[in-house]
Amino acid sequence: MLLNQLFKPTDENYQLLKEFNETLKEVVIKNYQQSKELYYNTKKMLADSGSSLQFEGVECKIFLGKNKQYSNSNPFKEKIQK
């Protein structure tokens, strides 16, 4: 299939592109939420353990680096609703 056929502005192609964009938005939002949750869960775990964990008798120090700032609202969701 030639590229110009694939990207012809047909109703079917428009619908496929629209569905792809919706799926992509869902994936981006889910990844953002999971990243935020993982960051705060790790931060809490490190605070509870004093930044030092034991794995099979080996002490491991974990540093998150700079404090990451996640907004209380989801910036991707705000853009989608517009």
PDB file of N, CA and C in Angstrom:
ATOM      1  N   MET A   1       0.853  -1.178   0.000  1.00  0.00           N
ATOM      2  CA  MET A   1       0.000   0.000   0.000  1.00  0.00           C
ATOM      3  C   MET A   1       0.900   1.244   0.000  1.00  0.00           C
ATOM      4  N   LEU A   2       0.589   2.146  -0.868  1.00  0.00           N
ATOM      5  CA  LEU A   2       1.356   3.382  -0.935  1.00  0.00           C
ATOM      6  C   LEU A   2       0.984   4.304   0.214  1.00  0.00           C
ATOM      7  N   LEU A   3       1.945   5.094   0.651  1.00  0.00           N
ATOM      8  CA  LEU A   3       1.685   6.008   1.769  1.00  0.00           C
ATOM      9  C   LEU A   3       0.569   6.987   1.454  1.00  0.00           C
ATOM     10  N   ASN A   4       0.514   7.483   0.218  1.00  0.00           N
ATOM     11  CA  ASN A   4      -0.544   8.449  -0.092  1.00  0.00           C
ATOM     12  C   ASN A   4      -1.925   7.805  -0.038  1.00  0.00           C
ATOM     13  N   GLN A   5      -2.011   6.491  -0.267  1.00  0.00           N
ATOM     14  CA  GLN A   5      -3.290   5.801  -0.112  1.00  0.00           C
ATOM     15  C   GLN A   5      -3.642   5.656   1.365  1.00  0.00           C
ATOM     16  N   LEU A   6      -2.639   5.361   2.157  1.00  0.00           N
ATOM     17  CA  LEU A   6      -2.863   5.172   3.589  1.00  0.00           C
ATOM     18  C   LEU A   6      -3.357   6.452   4.248  1.00  0.00           C
ATOM     19  N   PHE A   7      -2.824   7.582   3.823  1.00  0.00           N
ATOM     20  CA  PHE A   7      -3.165   8.846   4.467  1.00  0.00           C
ATOM     21  C   PHE A   7      -4.178   9.671   3.684  1.00  0.00           C
ATOM     22  N   LYS A   8      -4.893   9.032   2.780  1.00  0.00           N
ATOM     23  CA  LYS A   8      -5.957   9.737   2.066  1.00  0.00           C
ATOM     24  C   LYS A   8      -7.008  10.180   3.069  1.00  0.00           C
ATOM     25  N   PRO A   9      -7.525  11.374   2.913  1.00  0.00           N
ATOM     26  CA  PRO A   9      -8.538  11.853   3.865  1.00  0.00           C
ATOM     27  C   PRO A   9      -9.913  11.235   3.600  1.00  0.00           C
ATOM     28  N   THR A  10     -10.044   9.959   3.935  1.00  0.00           N
ATOM     29  CA  THR A  10     -11.337   9.289   3.801  1.00  0.00           C
ATOM     30  C   THR A  10     -11.991   9.222   5.168  1.00  0.00           C
ATOM     31  N   ASP A  11     -13.286   8.950   5.179  1.00  0.00           N
ATOM     32  CA  ASP A  11     -14.007   8.820   6.453  1.00  0.00           C
ATOM     33  C   ASP A  11     -13.435   7.683   7.291  1.00  0.00           C
ATOM     34  N   GLU A  12     -13.092   6.583   6.623  1.00  0.00           N
ATOM     35  CA  GLU A  12     -12.545   5.436   7.352  1.00  0.00           C
ATOM     36  C   GLU A  12     -11.191   5.779   7.970  1.00  0.00           C
ATOM     37  N   ASN A  13     -10.322   6.422   7.198  1.00  0.00           N
ATOM     38  CA  ASN A  13      -9.011   6.806   7.732  1.00  0.00           C
ATOM     39  C   ASN A  13      -9.144   7.827   8.848  1.00  0.00           C
ATOM     40  N   TYR A  14     -10.078   8.755   8.680  1.00  0.00           N
ATOM     41  CA  TYR A  14     -10.311   9.749   9.728  1.00  0.00           C
ATOM     42  C   TYR A  14     -10.758   9.059  11.016  1.00  0.00           C
ATOM     43  N   GLN A  15     -11.661   8.092  10.900  1.00  0.00           N
ATOM     44  CA  GLN A  15     -12.156   7.372  12.076  1.00  0.00           C
ATOM     45  C   GLN A  15     -11.029   6.574  12.735  1.00  0.00           C
ATOM     46  N   LEU A  16     -10.195   5.921  11.925  1.00  0.00           N
ATOM     47  CA  LEU A  16      -9.063   5.167  12.474  1.00  0.00           C
ATOM     48  C   LEU A  16      -8.093   6.086  13.207  1.00  0.00           C
ATOM     49  N   LEU A  17      -7.817   7.236  12.620  1.00  0.00           N
ATOM     50  CA  LEU A  17      -6.919   8.196  13.258  1.00  0.00           C
ATOM     51  C   LEU A  17      -7.518   8.728  14.557  1.00  0.00           C
ATOM     52  N   LYS A  18      -8.815   8.978  14.547  1.00  0.00           N
ATOM     53  CA  LYS A  18      -9.500   9.460  15.750  1.00  0.00           C
ATOM     54  C   LYS A  18      -9.423   8.407  16.869  1.00  0.00           C
ATOM     55  N   GLU A  19      -9.661   7.140  16.525  1.00  0.00           N
ATOM     56  CA  GLU A  19      -9.578   6.057  17.509  1.00  0.00           C
ATOM     57  C   GLU A  19      -8.149   5.906  18.033  1.00  0.00           C
ATOM     58  N   PHE A  20      -7.173   6.019  17.151  1.00  0.00           N
ATOM     59  CA  PHE A  20      -5.778   5.939  17.563  1.00  0.00           C
ATOM     60  C   PHE A  20      -5.443   7.058  18.544  1.00  0.00           C
ATOM     61  N   ASN A  21      -5.876   8.272  18.242  1.00  0.00           N
ATOM     62  CA  ASN A  21      -5.610   9.412  19.131  1.00  0.00           C
ATOM     63  C   ASN A  21      -6.251   9.219  20.497  1.00  0.00           C
ATOM     64  N   GLU A  22      -7.464   8.689  20.531  1.00  0.00           N
ATOM     65  CA  GLU A  22      -8.132   8.434  21.811  1.00  0.00           C
ATOM     66  C   GLU A  22      -7.366   7.388  22.622  1.00  0.00           C
ATOM     67  N   THR A  23      -6.933   6.334  21.956  1.00  0.00           N
ATOM     68  CA  THR A  23      -6.158   5.290  22.636  1.00  0.00           C
ATOM     69  C   THR A  23      -4.839   5.852  23.152  1.00  0.00           C
ATOM     70  N   LEU A  24      -4.179   6.655  22.335  1.00  0.00           N
ATOM     71  CA  LEU A  24      -2.917   7.273  22.744  1.00  0.00           C
ATOM     72  C   LEU A  24      -3.119   8.171  23.964  1.00  0.00           C
ATOM     73  N   LYS A  25      -4.183   8.945  23.986  1.00  0.00           N
ATOM     74  CA  LYS A  25      -4.475   9.810  25.144  1.00  0.00           C
ATOM     75  C   LYS A  25      -4.659   8.974  26.404  1.00  0.00           C
ATOM     76  N   GLU A  26      -5.402   7.865  26.278  1.00  0.00           N
ATOM     77  CA  GLU A  26      -5.629   6.992  27.432  1.00  0.00           C
ATOM     78  C   GLU A  26      -4.309   6.432  27.957  1.00  0.00           C
ATOM     79  N   VAL A  27      -3.432   6.018  27.063  1.00  0.00           N
ATOM     80  CA  VAL A  27      -2.132   5.459  27.459  1.00  0.00           C
ATOM     81  C   VAL A  27      -1.277   6.520  28.144  1.00  0.00           C
ATOM     82  N   VAL A  28      -1.257   7.730  27.595  1.00  0.00           N
ATOM     83  CA  VAL A  28      -0.463   8.817  28.184  1.00  0.00           C
ATOM     84  C   VAL A  28      -0.976   9.144  29.581  1.00  0.00           C
ATOM     85  N   ILE A  29      -2.289   9.242  29.738  1.00  0.00           N
ATOM     86  CA  ILE A  29      -2.875   9.544  31.050  1.00  0.00           C
ATOM     87  C   ILE A  29      -2.558   8.427  32.041  1.00  0.00           C
ATOM     88  N   LYS A  30      -2.706   7.177  31.607  1.00  0.00           N
ATOM     89  CA  LYS A  30      -2.430   6.038  32.495  1.00  0.00           C
ATOM     90  C   LYS A  30      -0.962   6.031  32.918  1.00  0.00           C
ATOM     91  N   ASN A  31      -0.054   6.257  31.972  1.00  0.00           N
ATOM     92  CA  ASN A  31       1.375   6.288  32.302  1.00  0.00           C
ATOM     93  C   ASN A  31       1.703   7.420  33.261  1.00  0.00           C
ATOM     94  N   TYR A  32       1.096   8.582  33.061  1.00  0.00           N
ATOM     95  CA  TYR A  32       1.309   9.723  33.954  1.00  0.00           C
ATOM     96  C   TYR A  32       0.851   9.370  35.367  1.00  0.00           C
ATOM     97  N   GLN A  33      -0.345   8.787  35.478  1.00  0.00           N
ATOM     98  CA  GLN A  33      -0.876   8.431  36.795  1.00  0.00           C
ATOM     99  C   GLN A  33      -0.018   7.369  37.473  1.00  0.00           C
ATOM    100  N   GLN A  34       0.430   6.374  36.704  1.00  0.00           N
ATOM    101  CA  GLN A  34       1.275   5.327  37.279  1.00  0.00           C
ATOM    102  C   GLN A  34       2.629   5.875  37.701  1.00  0.00           C
ATOM    103  N   SER A  35       3.180   6.783  36.919  1.00  0.00           N
ATOM    104  CA  SER A  35       4.460   7.397  37.263  1.00  0.00           C
ATOM    105  C   SER A  35       4.333   8.198  38.554  1.00  0.00           C
ATOM    106  N   LYS A  36       3.266   8.959  38.653  1.00  0.00           N
ATOM    107  CA  LYS A  36       3.015   9.772  39.846  1.00  0.00           C
ATOM    108  C   LYS A  36       2.854   8.874  41.070  1.00  0.00           C
ATOM    109  N   GLU A  37       2.066   7.811  40.924  1.00  0.00           N
ATOM    110  CA  GLU A  37       1.832   6.882  42.027  1.00  0.00           C
ATOM    111  C   GLU A  37       3.127   6.180  42.438  1.00  0.00           C
ATOM    112  N   LEU A  38       3.900   5.721  41.468  1.00  0.00           N
ATOM    113  CA  LEU A  38       5.166   5.045  41.759  1.00  0.00           C
ATOM    114  C   LEU A  38       6.130   5.976  42.476  1.00  0.00           C
ATOM    115  N   TYR A  39       6.218   7.225  42.024  1.00  0.00           N
ATOM    116  CA  TYR A  39       7.118   8.194  42.642  1.00  0.00           C
ATOM    117  C   TYR A  39       6.750   8.408  44.111  1.00  0.00           C
ATOM    118  N   TYR A  40       5.469   8.673  44.382  1.00  0.00           N
ATOM    119  CA  TYR A  40       5.070   8.954  45.761  1.00  0.00           C
ATOM    120  C   TYR A  40       5.134   7.714  46.647  1.00  0.00           C
ATOM    121  N   ASN A  41       4.829   6.542  46.097  1.00  0.00           N
ATOM    122  CA  ASN A  41       4.966   5.312  46.884  1.00  0.00           C
ATOM    123  C   ASN A  41       6.430   5.042  47.227  1.00  0.00           C
ATOM    124  N   THR A  42       7.330   5.266  46.264  1.00  0.00           N
ATOM    125  CA  THR A  42       8.764   5.082  46.510  1.00  0.00           C
ATOM    126  C   THR A  42       9.257   6.093  47.534  1.00  0.00           C
ATOM    127  N   LYS A  43       8.815   7.334  47.393  1.00  0.00           N
ATOM    128  CA  LYS A  43       9.218   8.384  48.331  1.00  0.00           C
ATOM    129  C   LYS A  43       8.775   8.035  49.754  1.00  0.00           C
ATOM    130  N   LYS A  44       7.537   7.535  49.897  1.00  0.00           N
ATOM    131  CA  LYS A  44       7.019   7.152  51.217  1.00  0.00           C
ATOM    132  C   LYS A  44       7.802   5.956  51.768  1.00  0.00           C
ATOM    133  N   MET A  45       8.069   4.970  50.910  1.00  0.00           N
ATOM    134  CA  MET A  45       8.814   3.790  51.346  1.00  0.00           C
ATOM    135  C   MET A  45      10.206   4.187  51.834  1.00  0.00           C
ATOM    136  N   LEU A  46      10.854   5.094  51.115  1.00  0.00           N
ATOM    137  CA  LEU A  46      12.192   5.529  51.512  1.00  0.00           C
ATOM    138  C   LEU A  46      12.154   6.327  52.809  1.00  0.00           C
ATOM    139  N   ALA A  47      11.113   7.134  52.982  1.00  0.00           N
ATOM    140  CA  ALA A  47      10.982   7.895  54.226  1.00  0.00           C
ATOM    141  C   ALA A  47      10.782   6.941  55.402  1.00  0.00           C
ATOM    142  N   ASP A  48       9.989   5.892  55.181  1.00  0.00           N
ATOM    143  CA  ASP A  48       9.727   4.910  56.235  1.00  0.00           C
ATOM    144  C   ASP A  48      10.962   4.075  56.564  1.00  0.00           C
ATOM    145  N   SER A  49      11.829   3.863  55.576  1.00  0.00           N
ATOM    146  CA  SER A  49      12.985   2.985  55.789  1.00  0.00           C
ATOM    147  C   SER A  49      14.286   3.755  56.012  1.00  0.00           C
ATOM    148  N   GLY A  50      14.238   5.077  55.958  1.00  0.00           N
ATOM    149  CA  GLY A  50      15.456   5.868  56.129  1.00  0.00           C
ATOM    150  C   GLY A  50      16.368   5.813  54.916  1.00  0.00           C
ATOM    151  N   SER A  51      15.818   5.651  53.743  1.00  0.00           N
ATOM    152  CA  SER A  51      16.556   5.609  52.465  1.00  0.00           C
ATOM    153  C   SER A  51      17.520   4.435  52.359  1.00  0.00           C
ATOM    154  N   SER A  52      17.347   3.444  53.198  1.00  0.00           N
ATOM    155  CA  SER A  52      18.241   2.291  53.167  1.00  0.00           C
ATOM    156  C   SER A  52      17.398   1.018  53.209  1.00  0.00           C
ATOM    157  N   LEU A  53      17.584   0.160  52.238  1.00  0.00           N
ATOM    158  CA  LEU A  53      16.831  -1.089  52.174  1.00  0.00           C
ATOM    159  C   LEU A  53      17.794  -2.265  52.175  1.00  0.00           C
ATOM    160  N   GLN A  54      17.319  -3.397  52.660  1.00  0.00           N
ATOM    161  CA  GLN A  54      18.121  -4.622  52.669  1.00  0.00           C
ATOM    162  C   GLN A  54      17.570  -5.583  51.615  1.00  0.00           C
ATOM    163  N   PHE A  55      18.435  -6.040  50.725  1.00  0.00           N
ATOM    164  CA  PHE A  55      18.065  -7.063  49.753  1.00  0.00           C
ATOM    165  C   PHE A  55      19.022  -8.225  49.923  1.00  0.00           C
ATOM    166  N   GLU A  56      18.507  -9.337  50.434  1.00  0.00           N
ATOM    167  CA  GLU A  56      19.311 -10.540  50.670  1.00  0.00           C
ATOM    168  C   GLU A  56      20.596 -10.223  51.421  1.00  0.00           C
ATOM    169  N   GLY A  57      20.468  -9.436  52.482  1.00  0.00           N
ATOM    170  CA  GLY A  57      21.595  -9.115  53.346  1.00  0.00           C
ATOM    171  C   GLY A  57      22.490  -7.992  52.855  1.00  0.00           C
ATOM    172  N   VAL A  58      22.190  -7.440  51.691  1.00  0.00           N
ATOM    173  CA  VAL A  58      22.992  -6.343  51.148  1.00  0.00           C
ATOM    174  C   VAL A  58      22.226  -5.041  51.343  1.00  0.00           C
ATOM    175  N   GLU A  59      22.898  -4.075  51.982  1.00  0.00           N
ATOM    176  CA  GLU A  59      22.246  -2.785  52.211  1.00  0.00           C
ATOM    177  C   GLU A  59      22.312  -1.947  50.935  1.00  0.00           C
ATOM    178  N   CYS A  60      21.182  -1.424  50.533  1.00  0.00           N
ATOM    179  CA  CYS A  60      21.107  -0.595  49.324  1.00  0.00           C
ATOM    180  C   CYS A  60      20.598   0.791  49.693  1.00  0.00           C
ATOM    181  N   LYS A  61      21.292   1.797  49.230  1.00  0.00           N
ATOM    182  CA  LYS A  61      20.850   3.183  49.414  1.00  0.00           C
ATOM    183  C   LYS A  61      20.167   3.617  48.126  1.00  0.00           C
ATOM    184  N   ILE A  62      19.022   4.241  48.272  1.00  0.00           N
ATOM    185  CA  ILE A  62      18.260   4.688  47.109  1.00  0.00           C
ATOM    186  C   ILE A  62      18.035   6.184  47.218  1.00  0.00           C
ATOM    187  N   PHE A  63      18.325   6.884  46.142  1.00  0.00           N
ATOM    188  CA  PHE A  63      18.118   8.333  46.098  1.00  0.00           C
ATOM    189  C   PHE A  63      17.196   8.660  44.928  1.00  0.00           C
ATOM    190  N   LEU A  64      16.186   9.461  45.199  1.00  0.00           N
ATOM    191  CA  LEU A  64      15.272   9.859  44.132  1.00  0.00           C
ATOM    192  C   LEU A  64      15.764  11.084  43.380  1.00  0.00           C
ATOM    193  N   GLY A  65      16.767  11.735  43.875  1.00  0.00           N
ATOM    194  CA  GLY A  65      17.237  12.956  43.220  1.00  0.00           C
ATOM    195  C   GLY A  65      16.363  14.133  43.605  1.00  0.00           C
ATOM    196  N   LYS A  66      16.234  15.064  42.687  1.00  0.00           N
ATOM    197  CA  LYS A  66      15.426  16.257  42.955  1.00  0.00           C
ATOM    198  C   LYS A  66      13.992  15.871  43.273  1.00  0.00           C
ATOM    199  N   ASN A  67      13.340  16.687  44.085  1.00  0.00           N
ATOM    200  CA  ASN A  67      11.923  16.470  44.328  1.00  0.00           C
ATOM    201  C   ASN A  67      11.154  16.748  43.054  1.00  0.00           C
ATOM    202  N   LYS A  68      10.449  15.751  42.604  1.00  0.00           N
ATOM    203  CA  LYS A  68       9.637  15.919  41.401  1.00  0.00           C
ATOM    204  C   LYS A  68       8.310  16.525  41.833  1.00  0.00           C
ATOM    205  N   GLN A  69       7.837  17.463  41.087  1.00  0.00           N
ATOM    206  CA  GLN A  69       6.575  18.116  41.426  1.00  0.00           C
ATOM    207  C   GLN A  69       5.488  17.651  40.469  1.00  0.00           C
ATOM    208  N   TYR A  70       4.552  16.895  40.976  1.00  0.00           N
ATOM    209  CA  TYR A  70       3.379  16.511  40.198  1.00  0.00           C
ATOM    210  C   TYR A  70       2.256  17.449  40.608  1.00  0.00           C
ATOM    211  N   SER A  71       1.561  17.957  39.638  1.00  0.00           N
ATOM    212  CA  SER A  71       0.443  18.839  39.976  1.00  0.00           C
ATOM    213  C   SER A  71      -0.695  17.994  40.533  1.00  0.00           C
ATOM    214  N   ASN A  72      -1.559  18.624  41.320  1.00  0.00           N
ATOM    215  CA  ASN A  72      -2.699  17.905  41.879  1.00  0.00           C
ATOM    216  C   ASN A  72      -3.681  17.497  40.792  1.00  0.00           C
ATOM    217  N   SER A  73      -3.746  18.290  39.736  1.00  0.00           N
ATOM    218  CA  SER A  73      -4.619  17.932  38.624  1.00  0.00           C
ATOM    219  C   SER A  73      -3.768  17.294  37.534  1.00  0.00           C
ATOM    220  N   ASN A  74      -4.410  16.536  36.693  1.00  0.00           N
ATOM    221  CA  ASN A  74      -3.712  15.864  35.604  1.00  0.00           C
ATOM    222  C   ASN A  74      -3.636  16.807  34.411  1.00  0.00           C
ATOM    223  N   PRO A  75      -2.450  17.273  34.025  1.00  0.00           N
ATOM    224  CA  PRO A  75      -2.354  18.237  32.928  1.00  0.00           C
ATOM    225  C   PRO A  75      -2.826  17.669  31.598  1.00  0.00           C
ATOM    226  N   PHE A  76      -2.725  16.355  31.421  1.00  0.00           N
ATOM    227  CA  PHE A  76      -3.173  15.753  30.174  1.00  0.00           C
ATOM    228  C   PHE A  76      -4.690  15.755  30.088  1.00  0.00           C
ATOM    229  N   LYS A  77      -5.335  15.522  31.211  1.00  0.00           N
ATOM    230  CA  LYS A  77      -6.792  15.495  31.237  1.00  0.00           C
ATOM    231  C   LYS A  77      -7.356  16.870  30.893  1.00  0.00           C
ATOM    232  N   GLU A  78      -6.722  17.920  31.412  1.00  0.00           N
ATOM    233  CA  GLU A  78      -7.189  19.275  31.141  1.00  0.00           C
ATOM    234  C   GLU A  78      -7.125  19.575  29.654  1.00  0.00           C
ATOM    235  N   LYS A  79      -6.070  19.123  28.984  1.00  0.00           N
ATOM    236  CA  LYS A  79      -5.921  19.383  27.554  1.00  0.00           C
ATOM    237  C   LYS A  79      -6.939  18.598  26.745  1.00  0.00           C
ATOM    238  N   ILE A  80      -7.278  17.402  27.198  1.00  0.00           N
ATOM    239  CA  ILE A  80      -8.223  16.562  26.469  1.00  0.00           C
ATOM    240  C   ILE A  80      -9.613  17.174  26.500  1.00  0.00           C
ATOM    241  N   GLN A  81      -9.991  17.744  27.628  1.00  0.00           N
ATOM    242  CA  GLN A  81     -11.338  18.277  27.772  1.00  0.00           C
ATOM    243  C   GLN A  81     -11.556  19.537  26.951  1.00  0.00           C
ATOM    244  N   LYS A  82     -10.478  20.195  26.531  1.00  0.00           N
ATOM    245  CA  LYS A  82     -10.615  21.437  25.765  1.00  0.00           C
ATOM    246  C   LYS A  82     -11.033  21.175  24.344  1.00  0.00           C
TER     247      LYS A  82
END
